[in-house]
Amino acid sequence: MKEIQVMIVEDHPLFRQGLRRVLEVEPDIRIKAEASTGQEALDLVPEAKPDVILMDINLPAMNGLQVTRRIKTDFPEIAVIILTAYDTEEQLLHAVRAGASAYFAKEVTPDKLIEAIREVAQGNYVINDDVLEQPKVANWLIAQFEQYPRVYDYDVDSPFLPLSEREMEILEYTTKGLSNKEIARQLNISRQTVKNHMTSILRKLAVNDRTQAAVYALRRGWIRLENTKPQGA
């Protein structure tokens, strides 16, 4: 029986400890590494080279979707399972497009998570409790496109996330209460550029104003509350 090397990326110690306890009793699963931030995960992956990563979506500084995208770019053979407290079909779609092989709410049962780890380690996907081989995932994505066309309506240079890294930066500053002028100063870009990015953010998220955009990102774990304190607070 081939041993599955697993990496846990989770910033809450108790939940991370719970995952470890569930997995370490399985004879075919070994915890290879643990990380509490996205950057720590990126630093550990080249040496740890896990088969499967359990990735919390709500991480400090860099969210789990962004980390997944970066890992899959350099290590496409690593399977990532996204764990989230905010479970929606759109979020599932974002996760798969980021490169995830499976996506679960954190209330997932241990048995279901363990089975998913074994499936994705073999190159399969687990979507809505269905085990799919890679060709069938393409059909699922096409069906999702028909249901959620706006999720695909963003720049081809950012194919996995609804917002680009620059747009995420601007949205995070927005949640801190900064004006376009203040954001422009922070990022050393023009006010018009900030305005253009904000217009794109509202369009991609299908919301009407900055406040709705901020709430959208916060609820989905793209931006953490502790990252939204005003500058100098």
C-alpha atoms as a PDB file:
ATOM      1  CA  MET A   1       0.000   0.000   0.000  1.00  0.00           C
ATOM      2  CA  LYS A   2       1.519   3.318  -1.100  1.00  0.00           C
ATOM      3  CA  GLU A   3       1.678   5.876   1.692  1.00  0.00           C
ATOM      4  CA  ILE A   4      -0.068   9.182   0.944  1.00  0.00           C
ATOM      5  CA  GLN A   5       1.973  12.201   2.045  1.00  0.00           C
ATOM      6  CA  VAL A   6      -0.347  14.962   3.319  1.00  0.00           C
ATOM      7  CA  MET A   7       0.277  18.611   4.148  1.00  0.00           C
ATOM      8  CA  ILE A   8      -2.167  20.591   6.319  1.00  0.00           C
ATOM      9  CA  VAL A   9      -2.510  24.338   5.746  1.00  0.00           C
ATOM     10  CA  GLU A  10      -4.707  25.790   8.503  1.00  0.00           C
ATOM     11  CA  ASP A  11      -4.149  28.792  10.775  1.00  0.00           C
ATOM     12  CA  HIS A  12      -6.410  27.678  13.639  1.00  0.00           C
ATOM     13  CA  PRO A  13      -4.315  25.386  15.907  1.00  0.00           C
ATOM     14  CA  LEU A  14      -7.276  23.439  17.299  1.00  0.00           C
ATOM     15  CA  PHE A  15      -8.724  22.636  13.884  1.00  0.00           C
ATOM     16  CA  ARG A  16      -5.275  21.767  12.564  1.00  0.00           C
ATOM     17  CA  GLN A  17      -4.720  19.472  15.534  1.00  0.00           C
ATOM     18  CA  GLY A  18      -8.096  17.853  14.928  1.00  0.00           C
ATOM     19  CA  LEU A  19      -7.214  17.125  11.310  1.00  0.00           C
ATOM     20  CA  ARG A  20      -3.899  15.653  12.372  1.00  0.00           C
ATOM     21  CA  ARG A  21      -5.520  13.347  14.919  1.00  0.00           C
ATOM     22  CA  VAL A  22      -8.075  12.120  12.384  1.00  0.00           C
ATOM     23  CA  LEU A  23      -5.464  11.392   9.734  1.00  0.00           C
ATOM     24  CA  GLU A  24      -2.497  10.063  11.676  1.00  0.00           C
ATOM     25  CA  VAL A  25      -4.340   6.867  12.692  1.00  0.00           C
ATOM     26  CA  GLU A  26      -4.814   5.886   9.044  1.00  0.00           C
ATOM     27  CA  PRO A  27      -2.147   3.362   8.002  1.00  0.00           C
ATOM     28  CA  ASP A  28      -1.825   4.711   4.468  1.00  0.00           C
ATOM     29  CA  ILE A  29      -1.692   8.437   5.353  1.00  0.00           C
ATOM     30  CA  ARG A  30       1.287  10.318   6.738  1.00  0.00           C
ATOM     31  CA  ILE A  31       1.310  13.981   7.817  1.00  0.00           C
ATOM     32  CA  LYS A  32       4.368  15.307   5.994  1.00  0.00           C
ATOM     33  CA  ALA A  33       4.118  19.001   6.892  1.00  0.00           C
ATOM     34  CA  GLU A  34       1.915  21.666   8.453  1.00  0.00           C
ATOM     35  CA  ALA A  35       1.610  25.385   7.764  1.00  0.00           C
ATOM     36  CA  SER A  36      -0.415  28.185   9.333  1.00  0.00           C
ATOM     37  CA  THR A  37      -0.144  30.735   6.496  1.00  0.00           C
ATOM     38  CA  GLY A  38      -0.172  30.663   2.727  1.00  0.00           C
ATOM     39  CA  GLN A  39       3.387  31.922   2.476  1.00  0.00           C
ATOM     40  CA  GLU A  40       4.588  29.273   4.903  1.00  0.00           C
ATOM     41  CA  ALA A  41       2.904  26.648   2.745  1.00  0.00           C
ATOM     42  CA  LEU A  42       4.580  27.988  -0.392  1.00  0.00           C
ATOM     43  CA  ASP A  43       7.940  27.859   1.373  1.00  0.00           C
ATOM     44  CA  LEU A  44       7.442  24.287   2.607  1.00  0.00           C
ATOM     45  CA  VAL A  45       6.003  22.649  -0.511  1.00  0.00           C
ATOM     46  CA  PRO A  46       9.250  22.363  -2.561  1.00  0.00           C
ATOM     47  CA  GLU A  47      10.925  20.352   0.202  1.00  0.00           C
ATOM     48  CA  ALA A  48       7.915  18.475   1.591  1.00  0.00           C
ATOM     49  CA  LYS A  49       6.488  17.576  -1.841  1.00  0.00           C
ATOM     50  CA  PRO A  50       3.189  16.225  -0.467  1.00  0.00           C
ATOM     51  CA  ASP A  51       0.803  14.158  -2.527  1.00  0.00           C
ATOM     52  CA  VAL A  52      -2.240  15.950  -1.085  1.00  0.00           C
ATOM     53  CA  ILE A  53      -2.703  19.333   0.605  1.00  0.00           C
ATOM     54  CA  LEU A  54      -5.630  20.147   2.880  1.00  0.00           C
ATOM     55  CA  MET A  55      -6.051  23.894   2.316  1.00  0.00           C
ATOM     56  CA  ASP A  56      -8.101  26.254   4.453  1.00  0.00           C
ATOM     57  CA  ILE A  57      -9.591  28.959   2.252  1.00  0.00           C
ATOM     58  CA  ASN A  58      -9.550  31.623   4.987  1.00  0.00           C
ATOM     59  CA  LEU A  59      -5.850  32.229   5.597  1.00  0.00           C
ATOM     60  CA  PRO A  60      -4.113  35.413   6.742  1.00  0.00           C
ATOM     61  CA  ALA A  61      -2.648  37.732   4.054  1.00  0.00           C
ATOM     62  CA  MET A  62      -3.077  35.287   1.143  1.00  0.00           C
ATOM     63  CA  ASN A  63      -6.257  33.248   0.851  1.00  0.00           C
ATOM     64  CA  GLY A  64      -6.390  29.550   0.077  1.00  0.00           C
ATOM     65  CA  LEU A  65      -7.482  30.027  -3.533  1.00  0.00           C
ATOM     66  CA  GLN A  66      -4.470  32.216  -4.251  1.00  0.00           C
ATOM     67  CA  VAL A  67      -2.128  29.748  -2.550  1.00  0.00           C
ATOM     68  CA  THR A  68      -3.663  26.841  -4.452  1.00  0.00           C
ATOM     69  CA  ARG A  69      -3.213  28.598  -7.762  1.00  0.00           C
ATOM     70  CA  ARG A  70       0.470  29.247  -7.063  1.00  0.00           C
ATOM     71  CA  ILE A  71       1.146  25.706  -5.899  1.00  0.00           C
ATOM     72  CA  LYS A  72      -0.614  24.137  -8.894  1.00  0.00           C
ATOM     73  CA  THR A  73       1.360  26.368 -11.265  1.00  0.00           C
ATOM     74  CA  ASP A  74       4.680  24.989 -10.009  1.00  0.00           C
ATOM     75  CA  PHE A  75       3.572  21.558  -8.804  1.00  0.00           C
ATOM     76  CA  PRO A  76       0.612  20.411 -10.928  1.00  0.00           C
ATOM     77  CA  GLU A  77       0.931  16.852  -9.635  1.00  0.00           C
ATOM     78  CA  ILE A  78      -0.035  17.875  -6.077  1.00  0.00           C
ATOM     79  CA  ALA A  79      -3.732  17.451  -5.292  1.00  0.00           C
ATOM     80  CA  VAL A  80      -5.387  20.163  -3.189  1.00  0.00           C
ATOM     81  CA  ILE A  81      -8.534  19.776  -1.115  1.00  0.00           C
ATOM     82  CA  ILE A  82     -10.121  23.095  -0.155  1.00  0.00           C
ATOM     83  CA  LEU A  83     -11.799  23.352   3.255  1.00  0.00           C
ATOM     84  CA  THR A  84     -14.151  26.258   3.870  1.00  0.00           C
ATOM     85  CA  ALA A  85     -16.658  27.645   6.331  1.00  0.00           C
ATOM     86  CA  TYR A  86     -18.614  29.233   3.462  1.00  0.00           C
ATOM     87  CA  ASP A  87     -20.017  26.529   1.194  1.00  0.00           C
ATOM     88  CA  THR A  88     -21.662  27.580  -2.089  1.00  0.00           C
ATOM     89  CA  GLU A  89     -21.720  26.295  -5.657  1.00  0.00           C
ATOM     90  CA  GLU A  90     -19.943  29.434  -6.883  1.00  0.00           C
ATOM     91  CA  GLN A  91     -17.216  29.007  -4.290  1.00  0.00           C
ATOM     92  CA  LEU A  92     -16.836  25.389  -5.390  1.00  0.00           C
ATOM     93  CA  LEU A  93     -16.406  26.580  -8.967  1.00  0.00           C
ATOM     94  CA  HIS A  94     -13.761  29.104  -7.924  1.00  0.00           C
ATOM     95  CA  ALA A  95     -11.934  26.351  -6.039  1.00  0.00           C
ATOM     96  CA  VAL A  96     -11.883  23.940  -9.000  1.00  0.00           C
ATOM     97  CA  ARG A  97     -10.750  26.688 -11.351  1.00  0.00           C
ATOM     98  CA  ALA A  98      -7.967  27.514  -8.893  1.00  0.00           C
ATOM     99  CA  GLY A  99      -6.788  23.934  -9.319  1.00  0.00           C
ATOM    100  CA  ALA A 100      -8.427  22.161  -6.380  1.00  0.00           C
ATOM    101  CA  SER A 101      -9.333  18.493  -6.743  1.00  0.00           C
ATOM    102  CA  ALA A 102     -11.993  18.586  -4.026  1.00  0.00           C
ATOM    103  CA  TYR A 103     -13.903  21.081  -1.901  1.00  0.00           C
ATOM    104  CA  PHE A 104     -15.633  20.547   1.433  1.00  0.00           C
ATOM    105  CA  ALA A 105     -17.286  22.520   4.195  1.00  0.00           C
ATOM    106  CA  LYS A 106     -15.363  22.160   7.455  1.00  0.00           C
ATOM    107  CA  GLU A 107     -18.254  20.128   8.849  1.00  0.00           C
ATOM    108  CA  VAL A 108     -17.260  17.246   6.556  1.00  0.00           C
ATOM    109  CA  THR A 109     -17.173  13.886   8.330  1.00  0.00           C
ATOM    110  CA  PRO A 110     -13.760  12.288   8.911  1.00  0.00           C
ATOM    111  CA  ASP A 111     -14.674   9.239   6.834  1.00  0.00           C
ATOM    112  CA  LYS A 112     -15.686  11.365   3.848  1.00  0.00           C
ATOM    113  CA  LEU A 113     -12.520  13.483   4.041  1.00  0.00           C
ATOM    114  CA  ILE A 114     -10.263  10.448   4.315  1.00  0.00           C
ATOM    115  CA  GLU A 115     -11.922   8.818   1.315  1.00  0.00           C
ATOM    116  CA  ALA A 116     -11.510  12.053  -0.647  1.00  0.00           C
ATOM    117  CA  ILE A 117      -7.801  12.155   0.199  1.00  0.00           C
ATOM    118  CA  ARG A 118      -7.403   8.662  -1.225  1.00  0.00           C
ATOM    119  CA  GLU A 119      -9.356   9.540  -4.364  1.00  0.00           C
ATOM    120  CA  VAL A 120      -7.498  12.766  -5.197  1.00  0.00           C
ATOM    121  CA  ALA A 121      -4.162  11.061  -4.503  1.00  0.00           C
ATOM    122  CA  GLN A 122      -5.050   8.795  -7.447  1.00  0.00           C
ATOM    123  CA  GLY A 123      -5.725  11.776  -9.704  1.00  0.00           C
ATOM    124  CA  ASN A 124      -9.494  11.868  -9.312  1.00  0.00           C
ATOM    125  CA  TYR A 125     -11.737  14.767  -8.351  1.00  0.00           C
ATOM    126  CA  VAL A 126     -14.443  14.788  -5.687  1.00  0.00           C
ATOM    127  CA  ILE A 127     -17.227  17.229  -6.555  1.00  0.00           C
ATOM    128  CA  ASN A 128     -20.548  17.281  -4.714  1.00  0.00           C
ATOM    129  CA  ASP A 129     -19.787  13.809  -3.325  1.00  0.00           C
ATOM    130  CA  ASP A 130     -19.226  12.445  -6.830  1.00  0.00           C
ATOM    131  CA  VAL A 131     -15.852  10.964  -7.777  1.00  0.00           C
ATOM    132  CA  LEU A 132     -14.909  12.203 -11.247  1.00  0.00           C
ATOM    133  CA  GLU A 133     -12.002  11.477 -13.533  1.00  0.00           C
ATOM    134  CA  GLN A 134     -10.378  14.479 -15.194  1.00  0.00           C
ATOM    135  CA  PRO A 135     -12.319  14.313 -18.508  1.00  0.00           C
ATOM    136  CA  LYS A 136     -15.645  14.405 -16.650  1.00  0.00           C
ATOM    137  CA  VAL A 137     -14.552  17.501 -14.733  1.00  0.00           C
ATOM    138  CA  ALA A 138     -14.425  19.378 -18.041  1.00  0.00           C
ATOM    139  CA  ASN A 139     -18.080  18.505 -18.657  1.00  0.00           C
ATOM    140  CA  TRP A 140     -18.937  19.673 -15.145  1.00  0.00           C
ATOM    141  CA  LEU A 141     -17.169  22.994 -15.741  1.00  0.00           C
ATOM    142  CA  ILE A 142     -19.116  23.530 -18.961  1.00  0.00           C
ATOM    143  CA  ALA A 143     -22.383  22.930 -17.109  1.00  0.00           C
ATOM    144  CA  GLN A 144     -21.299  25.370 -14.396  1.00  0.00           C
ATOM    145  CA  PHE A 145     -20.450  27.979 -17.013  1.00  0.00           C
ATOM    146  CA  GLU A 146     -24.021  27.834 -18.257  1.00  0.00           C
ATOM    147  CA  GLN A 147     -25.328  28.320 -14.719  1.00  0.00           C
ATOM    148  CA  TYR A 148     -22.807  30.919 -13.518  1.00  0.00           C
ATOM    149  CA  PRO A 149     -21.532  32.712 -16.651  1.00  0.00           C
ATOM    150  CA  ARG A 150     -20.351  35.797 -14.740  1.00  0.00           C
ATOM    151  CA  VAL A 151     -17.846  33.700 -12.777  1.00  0.00           C
ATOM    152  CA  TYR A 152     -15.937  33.246 -16.054  1.00  0.00           C
ATOM    153  CA  ASP A 153     -16.177  36.909 -17.008  1.00  0.00           C
ATOM    154  CA  TYR A 154     -12.746  38.139 -16.057  1.00  0.00           C
ATOM    155  CA  ASP A 155      -9.323  38.666 -17.554  1.00  0.00           C
ATOM    156  CA  VAL A 156      -7.697  35.682 -19.232  1.00  0.00           C
ATOM    157  CA  ASP A 157      -4.466  36.586 -17.442  1.00  0.00           C
ATOM    158  CA  SER A 158      -6.173  35.624 -14.176  1.00  0.00           C
ATOM    159  CA  PRO A 159      -7.890  32.371 -15.166  1.00  0.00           C
ATOM    160  CA  PHE A 160      -8.384  30.859 -11.727  1.00  0.00           C
ATOM    161  CA  LEU A 161      -9.623  33.643  -9.452  1.00  0.00           C
ATOM    162  CA  PRO A 162     -12.543  36.036  -9.859  1.00  0.00           C
ATOM    163  CA  LEU A 163     -10.249  38.952  -9.005  1.00  0.00           C
ATOM    164  CA  SER A 164      -6.673  39.653 -10.001  1.00  0.00           C
ATOM    165  CA  GLU A 165      -4.018  40.121  -7.323  1.00  0.00           C
ATOM    166  CA  ARG A 166      -4.111  43.916  -7.853  1.00  0.00           C
ATOM    167  CA  GLU A 167      -7.890  43.944  -7.514  1.00  0.00           C
ATOM    168  CA  MET A 168      -7.611  41.926  -4.306  1.00  0.00           C
ATOM    169  CA  GLU A 169      -5.151  44.507  -2.967  1.00  0.00           C
ATOM    170  CA  ILE A 170      -7.511  47.347  -3.798  1.00  0.00           C
ATOM    171  CA  LEU A 171     -10.491  45.547  -2.295  1.00  0.00           C
ATOM    172  CA  GLU A 172      -8.560  44.905   0.918  1.00  0.00           C
ATOM    173  CA  TYR A 173      -7.664  48.595   1.208  1.00  0.00           C
ATOM    174  CA  THR A 174     -11.311  49.408   0.542  1.00  0.00           C
ATOM    175  CA  THR A 175     -12.401  47.293   3.506  1.00  0.00           C
ATOM    176  CA  LYS A 176     -10.018  49.361   5.651  1.00  0.00           C
ATOM    177  CA  GLY A 177     -11.969  52.473   4.691  1.00  0.00           C
ATOM    178  CA  LEU A 178      -9.393  54.039   2.382  1.00  0.00           C
ATOM    179  CA  SER A 179     -10.568  56.328  -0.420  1.00  0.00           C
ATOM    180  CA  ASN A 180      -9.453  55.931  -4.029  1.00  0.00           C
ATOM    181  CA  LYS A 181      -6.923  58.718  -3.490  1.00  0.00           C
ATOM    182  CA  GLU A 182      -5.488  57.004  -0.412  1.00  0.00           C
ATOM    183  CA  ILE A 183      -5.369  53.625  -2.155  1.00  0.00           C
ATOM    184  CA  ALA A 184      -3.574  55.203  -5.108  1.00  0.00           C
ATOM    185  CA  ARG A 185      -0.977  56.634  -2.733  1.00  0.00           C
ATOM    186  CA  GLN A 186      -0.486  53.279  -0.982  1.00  0.00           C
ATOM    187  CA  LEU A 187      -0.006  51.392  -4.261  1.00  0.00           C
ATOM    188  CA  ASN A 188       1.804  54.185  -6.116  1.00  0.00           C
ATOM    189  CA  ILE A 189      -0.707  54.209  -8.959  1.00  0.00           C
ATOM    190  CA  SER A 190      -3.098  56.871 -10.277  1.00  0.00           C
ATOM    191  CA  ARG A 191      -6.569  57.525  -8.869  1.00  0.00           C
ATOM    192  CA  GLN A 192      -8.018  56.731 -12.295  1.00  0.00           C
ATOM    193  CA  THR A 193      -6.327  53.328 -12.253  1.00  0.00           C
ATOM    194  CA  VAL A 194      -7.849  52.616  -8.848  1.00  0.00           C
ATOM    195  CA  LYS A 195     -11.246  53.725 -10.151  1.00  0.00           C
ATOM    196  CA  ASN A 196     -10.917  51.463 -13.191  1.00  0.00           C
ATOM    197  CA  HIS A 197     -10.015  48.494 -11.006  1.00  0.00           C
ATOM    198  CA  MET A 198     -12.936  49.211  -8.682  1.00  0.00           C
ATOM    199  CA  THR A 199     -15.321  49.273 -11.632  1.00  0.00           C
ATOM    200  CA  SER A 200     -13.937  45.889 -12.707  1.00  0.00           C
ATOM    201  CA  ILE A 201     -14.332  44.500  -9.173  1.00  0.00           C
ATOM    202  CA  LEU A 202     -17.990  45.527  -8.992  1.00  0.00           C
ATOM    203  CA  ARG A 203     -18.658  44.024 -12.428  1.00  0.00           C
ATOM    204  CA  LYS A 204     -16.936  40.709 -11.680  1.00  0.00           C
ATOM    205  CA  LEU A 205     -18.680  40.274  -8.340  1.00  0.00           C
ATOM    206  CA  ALA A 206     -22.020  41.546  -9.691  1.00  0.00           C
ATOM    207  CA  VAL A 207     -22.478  43.994  -6.810  1.00  0.00           C
ATOM    208  CA  ASN A 208     -23.528  47.630  -6.818  1.00  0.00           C
ATOM    209  CA  ASP A 209     -21.059  49.388  -4.544  1.00  0.00           C
ATOM    210  CA  ARG A 210     -17.804  49.133  -2.592  1.00  0.00           C
ATOM    211  CA  THR A 211     -19.489  48.064   0.621  1.00  0.00           C
ATOM    212  CA  GLN A 212     -21.226  45.124  -1.051  1.00  0.00           C
ATOM    213  CA  ALA A 213     -17.930  44.104  -2.660  1.00  0.00           C
ATOM    214  CA  ALA A 214     -16.187  44.159   0.725  1.00  0.00           C
ATOM    215  CA  VAL A 215     -18.940  42.083   2.369  1.00  0.00           C
ATOM    216  CA  TYR A 216     -18.815  39.593  -0.524  1.00  0.00           C
ATOM    217  CA  ALA A 217     -15.065  39.066  -0.066  1.00  0.00           C
ATOM    218  CA  LEU A 218     -15.224  38.913   3.730  1.00  0.00           C
ATOM    219  CA  ARG A 219     -18.038  36.347   3.795  1.00  0.00           C
ATOM    220  CA  ARG A 220     -16.142  34.061   1.435  1.00  0.00           C
ATOM    221  CA  GLY A 221     -12.882  34.281   3.336  1.00  0.00           C
ATOM    222  CA  TRP A 222     -10.948  36.065   0.575  1.00  0.00           C
ATOM    223  CA  ILE A 223     -10.113  38.836   3.040  1.00  0.00           C
ATOM    224  CA  ARG A 224      -9.853  38.340   6.798  1.00  0.00           C
ATOM    225  CA  LEU A 225     -11.385  40.701   9.341  1.00  0.00           C
ATOM    226  CA  GLU A 226      -8.063  41.247  11.101  1.00  0.00           C
ATOM    227  CA  ASN A 227      -6.649  42.526   7.819  1.00  0.00           C
ATOM    228  CA  THR A 228      -9.286  45.266   7.586  1.00  0.00           C
ATOM    229  CA  LYS A 229      -8.238  47.454  10.508  1.00  0.00           C
ATOM    230  CA  PRO A 230      -7.646  51.072   9.446  1.00  0.00           C
ATOM    231  CA  GLN A 231      -4.054  52.077   8.823  1.00  0.00           C
ATOM    232  CA  GLY A 232      -2.368  53.100  12.075  1.00  0.00           C
ATOM    233  CA  ALA A 233      -5.061  51.491  14.273  1.00  0.00           C
END
